[in-house]
PDB file of N, CA and C in Angstrom:
ATOM      1  N   TYR A   1      -4.883  14.640   6.821  1.00  0.00           N
ATOM      2  CA  TYR A   1      -5.468  14.021   7.988  1.00  0.00           C
ATOM      3  C   TYR A   1      -6.982  14.026   7.849  1.00  0.00           C
ATOM      4  N   LEU A   2      -7.555  12.856   7.962  1.00  0.00           N
ATOM      5  CA  LEU A   2      -9.001  12.699   7.936  1.00  0.00           C
ATOM      6  C   LEU A   2      -9.448  12.366   9.353  1.00  0.00           C
ATOM      7  N   PRO A   3     -10.718  12.533   9.659  1.00  0.00           N
ATOM      8  CA  PRO A   3     -11.162  12.269  11.034  1.00  0.00           C
ATOM      9  C   PRO A   3     -10.859  10.852  11.538  1.00  0.00           C
ATOM     10  N   GLN A   4     -10.989   9.850  10.681  1.00  0.00           N
ATOM     11  CA  GLN A   4     -10.791   8.463  11.109  1.00  0.00           C
ATOM     12  C   GLN A   4      -9.529   7.816  10.531  1.00  0.00           C
ATOM     13  N   TYR A   5      -8.851   8.525   9.659  1.00  0.00           N
ATOM     14  CA  TYR A   5      -7.742   7.900   8.928  1.00  0.00           C
ATOM     15  C   TYR A   5      -6.705   8.953   8.553  1.00  0.00           C
ATOM     16  N   THR A   6      -5.441   8.594   8.695  1.00  0.00           N
ATOM     17  CA  THR A   6      -4.357   9.473   8.277  1.00  0.00           C
ATOM     18  C   THR A   6      -3.781   8.932   6.979  1.00  0.00           C
ATOM     19  N   LEU A   7      -3.842   9.740   5.958  1.00  0.00           N
ATOM     20  CA  LEU A   7      -3.363   9.348   4.641  1.00  0.00           C
ATOM     21  C   LEU A   7      -1.959   9.900   4.447  1.00  0.00           C
ATOM     22  N   ASP A   8      -1.001   9.009   4.224  1.00  0.00           N
ATOM     23  CA  ASP A   8       0.383   9.405   4.015  1.00  0.00           C
ATOM     24  C   ASP A   8       0.799   8.961   2.621  1.00  0.00           C
ATOM     25  N   VAL A   9       1.162   9.905   1.771  1.00  0.00           N
ATOM     26  CA  VAL A   9       1.581   9.594   0.405  1.00  0.00           C
ATOM     27  C   VAL A   9       3.105   9.598   0.377  1.00  0.00           C
ATOM     28  N   ALA A  10       3.669   8.420   0.258  1.00  0.00           N
ATOM     29  CA  ALA A  10       5.129   8.277   0.213  1.00  0.00           C
ATOM     30  C   ALA A  10       5.633   8.576  -1.202  1.00  0.00           C
ATOM     31  N   THR A  11       6.903   8.791  -1.315  1.00  0.00           N
ATOM     32  CA  THR A  11       7.505   9.131  -2.608  1.00  0.00           C
ATOM     33  C   THR A  11       7.213   8.088  -3.693  1.00  0.00           C
ATOM     34  N   PRO A  12       7.323   6.786  -3.423  1.00  0.00           N
ATOM     35  CA  PRO A  12       7.010   5.822  -4.483  1.00  0.00           C
ATOM     36  C   PRO A  12       5.557   5.888  -4.957  1.00  0.00           C
ATOM     37  N   CYS A  13       4.669   6.390  -4.131  1.00  0.00           N
ATOM     38  CA  CYS A  13       3.251   6.473  -4.490  1.00  0.00           C
ATOM     39  C   CYS A  13       2.865   7.858  -5.010  1.00  0.00           C
ATOM     40  N   SER A  14       3.834   8.706  -5.228  1.00  0.00           N
ATOM     41  CA  SER A  14       3.538  10.082  -5.605  1.00  0.00           C
ATOM     42  C   SER A  14       3.027  10.221  -7.034  1.00  0.00           C
ATOM     43  N   GLY A  15       3.235   9.206  -7.855  1.00  0.00           N
ATOM     44  CA  GLY A  15       2.734   9.239  -9.218  1.00  0.00           C
ATOM     45  C   GLY A  15       3.785   9.471 -10.276  1.00  0.00           C
ATOM     46  N   LEU A  16       5.033   9.640  -9.873  1.00  0.00           N
ATOM     47  CA  LEU A  16       6.081   9.872 -10.854  1.00  0.00           C
ATOM     48  C   LEU A  16       6.236   8.677 -11.787  1.00  0.00           C
ATOM     49  N   GLN A  17       6.162   7.475 -11.237  1.00  0.00           N
ATOM     50  CA  GLN A  17       6.281   6.273 -12.070  1.00  0.00           C
ATOM     51  C   GLN A  17       5.106   6.183 -13.046  1.00  0.00           C
ATOM     52  N   THR A  18       3.905   6.514 -12.579  1.00  0.00           N
ATOM     53  CA  THR A  18       2.730   6.522 -13.459  1.00  0.00           C
ATOM     54  C   THR A  18       2.904   7.545 -14.566  1.00  0.00           C
ATOM     55  N   LEU A  19       3.414   8.705 -14.225  1.00  0.00           N
ATOM     56  CA  LEU A  19       3.629   9.762 -15.212  1.00  0.00           C
ATOM     57  C   LEU A  19       4.648   9.333 -16.267  1.00  0.00           C
ATOM     58  N   LEU A  20       5.770   8.770 -15.825  1.00  0.00           N
ATOM     59  CA  LEU A  20       6.793   8.323 -16.767  1.00  0.00           C
ATOM     60  C   LEU A  20       6.278   7.211 -17.675  1.00  0.00           C
ATOM     61  N   THR A  21       5.510   6.289 -17.117  1.00  0.00           N
ATOM     62  CA  THR A  21       4.952   5.199 -17.906  1.00  0.00           C
ATOM     63  C   THR A  21       3.946   5.720 -18.925  1.00  0.00           C
ATOM     64  N   ALA A  22       3.078   6.620 -18.504  1.00  0.00           N
ATOM     65  CA  ALA A  22       2.064   7.158 -19.411  1.00  0.00           C
ATOM     66  C   ALA A  22       2.690   7.940 -20.557  1.00  0.00           C
ATOM     67  N   VAL A  23       3.684   8.749 -20.262  1.00  0.00           N
ATOM     68  CA  VAL A  23       4.347   9.531 -21.316  1.00  0.00           C
ATOM     69  C   VAL A  23       5.108   8.600 -22.263  1.00  0.00           C
ATOM     70  N   THR A  24       5.772   7.601 -21.725  1.00  0.00           N
ATOM     71  CA  THR A  24       6.498   6.651 -22.569  1.00  0.00           C
ATOM     72  C   THR A  24       5.550   5.911 -23.502  1.00  0.00           C
ATOM     73  N   LEU A  25       4.435   5.431 -22.969  1.00  0.00           N
ATOM     74  CA  LEU A  25       3.448   4.751 -23.810  1.00  0.00           C
ATOM     75  C   LEU A  25       2.851   5.685 -24.854  1.00  0.00           C
ATOM     76  N   ALA A  26       2.586   6.909 -24.469  1.00  0.00           N
ATOM     77  CA  ALA A  26       2.021   7.872 -25.420  1.00  0.00           C
ATOM     78  C   ALA A  26       3.001   8.174 -26.542  1.00  0.00           C
ATOM     79  N   VAL A  27       4.275   8.314 -26.213  1.00  0.00           N
ATOM     80  CA  VAL A  27       5.281   8.564 -27.246  1.00  0.00           C
ATOM     81  C   VAL A  27       5.380   7.356 -28.182  1.00  0.00           C
ATOM     82  N   ALA A  28       5.392   6.160 -27.609  1.00  0.00           N
ATOM     83  CA  ALA A  28       5.463   4.950 -28.441  1.00  0.00           C
ATOM     84  C   ALA A  28       4.250   4.844 -29.361  1.00  0.00           C
ATOM     85  N   LEU A  29       3.067   5.085 -28.811  1.00  0.00           N
ATOM     86  CA  LEU A  29       1.858   5.042 -29.633  1.00  0.00           C
ATOM     87  C   LEU A  29       1.873   6.118 -30.712  1.00  0.00           C
ATOM     88  N   ALA A  30       2.349   7.285 -30.359  1.00  0.00           N
ATOM     89  CA  ALA A  30       2.407   8.373 -31.338  1.00  0.00           C
ATOM     90  C   ALA A  30       3.368   8.036 -32.475  1.00  0.00           C
ATOM     91  N   LEU A  31       4.480   7.430 -32.140  1.00  0.00           N
ATOM     92  CA  LEU A  31       5.464   7.085 -33.171  1.00  0.00           C
ATOM     93  C   LEU A  31       4.992   5.932 -34.061  1.00  0.00           C
ATOM     94  N   LEU A  32       4.236   5.012 -33.487  1.00  0.00           N
ATOM     95  CA  LEU A  32       3.811   3.824 -34.232  1.00  0.00           C
ATOM     96  C   LEU A  32       2.472   3.989 -34.942  1.00  0.00           C
ATOM     97  N   SER A  33       1.779   5.079 -34.682  1.00  0.00           N
ATOM     98  CA  SER A  33       0.445   5.252 -35.245  1.00  0.00           C
ATOM     99  C   SER A  33       0.483   5.999 -36.575  1.00  0.00           C
ATOM    100  N   ASP A  34      -0.645   5.966 -37.248  1.00  0.00           N
ATOM    101  CA  ASP A  34      -0.806   6.699 -38.508  1.00  0.00           C
ATOM    102  C   ASP A  34      -1.553   8.011 -38.286  1.00  0.00           C
ATOM    103  N   LEU A  35      -1.467   8.541 -37.099  1.00  0.00           N
ATOM    104  CA  LEU A  35      -2.162   9.784 -36.786  1.00  0.00           C
ATOM    105  C   LEU A  35      -1.474  10.973 -37.440  1.00  0.00           C
ATOM    106  N   ARG A  36      -2.264  12.044 -37.588  1.00  0.00           N
ATOM    107  CA  ARG A  36      -1.681  13.303 -38.067  1.00  0.00           C
ATOM    108  C   ARG A  36      -0.714  13.832 -37.011  1.00  0.00           C
ATOM    109  N   PRO A  37       0.251  14.632 -37.415  1.00  0.00           N
ATOM    110  CA  PRO A  37       1.228  15.162 -36.442  1.00  0.00           C
ATOM    111  C   PRO A  37       0.590  15.914 -35.277  1.00  0.00           C
ATOM    112  N   VAL A  38      -0.476  16.664 -35.535  1.00  0.00           N
ATOM    113  CA  VAL A  38      -1.144  17.398 -34.453  1.00  0.00           C
ATOM    114  C   VAL A  38      -1.745  16.424 -33.441  1.00  0.00           C
ATOM    115  N   ALA A  39      -2.327  15.342 -33.938  1.00  0.00           N
ATOM    116  CA  ALA A  39      -2.917  14.343 -33.043  1.00  0.00           C
ATOM    117  C   ALA A  39      -1.839  13.619 -32.239  1.00  0.00           C
ATOM    118  N   ARG A  40      -0.692  13.415 -32.850  1.00  0.00           N
ATOM    119  CA  ARG A  40       0.418  12.770 -32.121  1.00  0.00           C
ATOM    120  C   ARG A  40       0.901  13.645 -30.966  1.00  0.00           C
ATOM    121  N   VAL A  41       1.048  14.924 -31.228  1.00  0.00           N
ATOM    122  CA  VAL A  41       1.472  15.852 -30.173  1.00  0.00           C
ATOM    123  C   VAL A  41       0.406  15.922 -29.083  1.00  0.00           C
ATOM    124  N   ALA A  42      -0.858  15.958 -29.482  1.00  0.00           N
ATOM    125  CA  ALA A  42      -1.950  15.998 -28.498  1.00  0.00           C
ATOM    126  C   ALA A  42      -1.948  14.744 -27.637  1.00  0.00           C
ATOM    127  N   LEU A  43      -1.699  13.588 -28.244  1.00  0.00           N
ATOM    128  CA  LEU A  43      -1.655  12.331 -27.499  1.00  0.00           C
ATOM    129  C   LEU A  43      -0.578  12.375 -26.421  1.00  0.00           C
ATOM    130  N   VAL A  44       0.592  12.835 -26.780  1.00  0.00           N
ATOM    131  CA  VAL A  44       1.692  12.904 -25.807  1.00  0.00           C
ATOM    132  C   VAL A  44       1.404  13.956 -24.735  1.00  0.00           C
ATOM    133  N   CYS A  45       0.872  15.099 -25.141  1.00  0.00           N
ATOM    134  CA  CYS A  45       0.572  16.159 -24.169  1.00  0.00           C
ATOM    135  C   CYS A  45      -0.536  15.762 -23.204  1.00  0.00           C
ATOM    136  N   LEU A  46      -1.512  15.006 -23.671  1.00  0.00           N
ATOM    137  CA  LEU A  46      -2.609  14.584 -22.802  1.00  0.00           C
ATOM    138  C   LEU A  46      -2.206  13.485 -21.834  1.00  0.00           C
ATOM    139  N   ALA A  47      -1.082  12.846 -22.078  1.00  0.00           N
ATOM    140  CA  ALA A  47      -0.622  11.801 -21.163  1.00  0.00           C
ATOM    141  C   ALA A  47      -0.327  12.365 -19.778  1.00  0.00           C
ATOM    142  N   VAL A  48       0.168  13.596 -19.714  1.00  0.00           N
ATOM    143  CA  VAL A  48       0.525  14.198 -18.421  1.00  0.00           C
ATOM    144  C   VAL A  48      -0.705  14.442 -17.552  1.00  0.00           C
ATOM    145  N   PRO A  49      -1.735  15.175 -18.015  1.00  0.00           N
ATOM    146  CA  PRO A  49      -2.890  15.379 -17.143  1.00  0.00           C
ATOM    147  C   PRO A  49      -3.653  14.092 -16.826  1.00  0.00           C
ATOM    148  N   VAL A  50      -3.694  13.159 -17.779  1.00  0.00           N
ATOM    149  CA  VAL A  50      -4.386  11.891 -17.511  1.00  0.00           C
ATOM    150  C   VAL A  50      -3.660  11.120 -16.408  1.00  0.00           C
ATOM    151  N   ALA A  51      -2.346  11.078 -16.449  1.00  0.00           N
ATOM    152  CA  ALA A  51      -1.575  10.389 -15.409  1.00  0.00           C
ATOM    153  C   ALA A  51      -1.755  11.062 -14.053  1.00  0.00           C
ATOM    154  N   LEU A  52      -1.735  12.392 -14.027  1.00  0.00           N
ATOM    155  CA  LEU A  52      -1.914  13.113 -12.761  1.00  0.00           C
ATOM    156  C   LEU A  52      -3.312  12.923 -12.194  1.00  0.00           C
ATOM    157  N   LEU A  53      -4.317  12.980 -13.062  1.00  0.00           N
ATOM    158  CA  LEU A  53      -5.692  12.786 -12.595  1.00  0.00           C
ATOM    159  C   LEU A  53      -5.933  11.363 -12.109  1.00  0.00           C
ATOM    160  N   SER A  54      -5.401  10.391 -12.818  1.00  0.00           N
ATOM    161  CA  SER A  54      -5.611   9.008 -12.396  1.00  0.00           C
ATOM    162  C   SER A  54      -4.923   8.721 -11.062  1.00  0.00           C
ATOM    163  N   ASN A  55      -3.728   9.261 -10.857  1.00  0.00           N
ATOM    164  CA  ASN A  55      -3.059   9.050  -9.576  1.00  0.00           C
ATOM    165  C   ASN A  55      -3.759   9.806  -8.449  1.00  0.00           C
ATOM    166  N   SER A  56      -4.278  10.995  -8.745  1.00  0.00           N
ATOM    167  CA  SER A  56      -5.040  11.744  -7.737  1.00  0.00           C
ATOM    168  C   SER A  56      -6.293  10.983  -7.339  1.00  0.00           C
ATOM    169  N   PHE A  57      -6.963  10.393  -8.329  1.00  0.00           N
ATOM    170  CA  PHE A  57      -8.149   9.588  -8.042  1.00  0.00           C
ATOM    171  C   PHE A  57      -7.776   8.381  -7.184  1.00  0.00           C
ATOM    172  N   ARG A  58      -6.670   7.744  -7.502  1.00  0.00           N
ATOM    173  CA  ARG A  58      -6.210   6.577  -6.748  1.00  0.00           C
ATOM    174  C   ARG A  58      -5.937   6.942  -5.292  1.00  0.00           C
ATOM    175  N   ILE A  59      -5.256   8.047  -5.072  1.00  0.00           N
ATOM    176  CA  ILE A  59      -4.953   8.481  -3.704  1.00  0.00           C
ATOM    177  C   ILE A  59      -6.231   8.857  -2.962  1.00  0.00           C
ATOM    178  N   ALA A  60      -7.126   9.557  -3.631  1.00  0.00           N
ATOM    179  CA  ALA A  60      -8.399   9.922  -3.004  1.00  0.00           C
ATOM    180  C   ALA A  60      -9.206   8.677  -2.645  1.00  0.00           C
ATOM    181  N   LEU A  61      -9.169   7.670  -3.510  1.00  0.00           N
ATOM    182  CA  LEU A  61      -9.884   6.430  -3.231  1.00  0.00           C
ATOM    183  C   LEU A  61      -9.346   5.759  -1.982  1.00  0.00           C
ATOM    184  N   PHE A  62      -8.027   5.757  -1.815  1.00  0.00           N
ATOM    185  CA  PHE A  62      -7.453   5.188  -0.596  1.00  0.00           C
ATOM    186  C   PHE A  62      -7.921   5.951   0.638  1.00  0.00           C
ATOM    187  N   GLY A  63      -8.016   7.270   0.522  1.00  0.00           N
ATOM    188  CA  GLY A  63      -8.503   8.070   1.641  1.00  0.00           C
ATOM    189  C   GLY A  63      -9.950   7.762   1.990  1.00  0.00           C
ATOM    190  N   VAL A  64     -10.787   7.632   0.981  1.00  0.00           N
ATOM    191  CA  VAL A  64     -12.213   7.319   1.211  1.00  0.00           C
ATOM    192  C   VAL A  64     -12.358   5.925   1.820  1.00  0.00           C
ATOM    193  N   ILE A  65     -11.638   4.956   1.270  1.00  0.00           N
ATOM    194  CA  ILE A  65     -11.704   3.593   1.804  1.00  0.00           C
ATOM    195  C   ILE A  65     -11.183   3.567   3.239  1.00  0.00           C
ATOM    196  N   GLY A  66     -10.088   4.251   3.512  1.00  0.00           N
ATOM    197  CA  GLY A  66      -9.545   4.302   4.868  1.00  0.00           C
ATOM    198  C   GLY A  66     -10.492   4.973   5.839  1.00  0.00           C
ATOM    199  N   GLU A  67     -11.156   6.031   5.392  1.00  0.00           N
ATOM    200  CA  GLU A  67     -12.101   6.751   6.250  1.00  0.00           C
ATOM    201  C   GLU A  67     -13.353   5.920   6.519  1.00  0.00           C
ATOM    202  N   CYS A  68     -13.854   5.252   5.509  1.00  0.00           N
ATOM    203  CA  CYS A  68     -15.120   4.515   5.643  1.00  0.00           C
ATOM    204  C   CYS A  68     -14.949   3.123   6.235  1.00  0.00           C
ATOM    205  N   PHE A  69     -13.857   2.445   5.871  1.00  0.00           N
ATOM    206  CA  PHE A  69     -13.719   1.035   6.246  1.00  0.00           C
ATOM    207  C   PHE A  69     -12.511   0.743   7.126  1.00  0.00           C
ATOM    208  N   GLY A  70     -11.700   1.749   7.398  1.00  0.00           N
ATOM    209  CA  GLY A  70     -10.569   1.567   8.293  1.00  0.00           C
ATOM    210  C   GLY A  70      -9.246   1.431   7.568  1.00  0.00           C
ATOM    211  N   ALA A  71      -8.187   1.557   8.354  1.00  0.00           N
ATOM    212  CA  ALA A  71      -6.828   1.553   7.810  1.00  0.00           C
ATOM    213  C   ALA A  71      -6.472   0.219   7.183  1.00  0.00           C
ATOM    214  N   SER A  72      -6.933  -0.884   7.743  1.00  0.00           N
ATOM    215  CA  SER A  72      -6.558  -2.193   7.185  1.00  0.00           C
ATOM    216  C   SER A  72      -7.146  -2.383   5.795  1.00  0.00           C
ATOM    217  N   ALA A  73      -8.364  -1.886   5.567  1.00  0.00           N
ATOM    218  CA  ALA A  73      -8.963  -1.987   4.227  1.00  0.00           C
ATOM    219  C   ALA A  73      -8.196  -1.143   3.228  1.00  0.00           C
ATOM    220  N   ALA A  74      -7.809   0.067   3.624  1.00  0.00           N
ATOM    221  CA  ALA A  74      -7.039   0.933   2.740  1.00  0.00           C
ATOM    222  C   ALA A  74      -5.675   0.336   2.420  1.00  0.00           C
ATOM    223  N   HIS A  75      -5.030  -0.247   3.411  1.00  0.00           N
ATOM    224  CA  HIS A  75      -3.725  -0.862   3.182  1.00  0.00           C
ATOM    225  C   HIS A  75      -3.849  -2.098   2.290  1.00  0.00           C
ATOM    226  N   SER A  76      -4.917  -2.869   2.468  1.00  0.00           N
ATOM    227  CA  SER A  76      -5.139  -4.033   1.603  1.00  0.00           C
ATOM    228  C   SER A  76      -5.367  -3.603   0.162  1.00  0.00           C
ATOM    229  N   LEU A  77      -6.157  -2.550  -0.036  1.00  0.00           N
ATOM    230  CA  LEU A  77      -6.391  -2.045  -1.382  1.00  0.00           C
ATOM    231  C   LEU A  77      -5.088  -1.512  -1.980  1.00  0.00           C
ATOM    232  N   HIS A  78      -4.318  -0.794  -1.196  1.00  0.00           N
ATOM    233  CA  HIS A  78      -3.043  -0.258  -1.673  1.00  0.00           C
ATOM    234  C   HIS A  78      -2.102  -1.381  -2.092  1.00  0.00           C
ATOM    235  N   ASP A  79      -1.965  -2.392  -1.232  1.00  0.00           N
ATOM    236  CA  ASP A  79      -1.044  -3.505  -1.527  1.00  0.00           C
ATOM    237  C   ASP A  79      -1.518  -4.287  -2.746  1.00  0.00           C
ATOM    238  N   GLY A  80      -2.828  -4.421  -2.903  1.00  0.00           N
ATOM    239  CA  GLY A  80      -3.369  -5.144  -4.052  1.00  0.00           C
ATOM    240  C   GLY A  80      -3.269  -4.374  -5.347  1.00  0.00           C
ATOM    241  N   SER A  81      -3.239  -3.062  -5.274  1.00  0.00           N
ATOM    242  CA  SER A  81      -3.187  -2.249  -6.497  1.00  0.00           C
ATOM    243  C   SER A  81      -1.770  -2.015  -6.974  1.00  0.00           C
ATOM    244  N   GLY A  82      -0.798  -2.308  -6.155  1.00  0.00           N
ATOM    245  CA  GLY A  82       0.591  -2.054  -6.529  1.00  0.00           C
ATOM    246  C   GLY A  82       1.064  -2.998  -7.567  1.00  0.00           C
TER     247      GLY A  82
END
């Protein structure tokens, strides 16, 4: 709850889809690349924190936009980013 805006994170927006997509892409890139095995493992392992951080940033951005510009602006940004 923010002073001017209530931010509700629903299950579809929780980031699970982003996490699954990032890990899948990282595994595909690791398998198709000419990287050393250590770099391949690092690529896949880094997909998890990058996905979590990017989704956290996305949710925080919606909160800032909702607080500064109102609920309709936050909802427009959310609908446009989906």
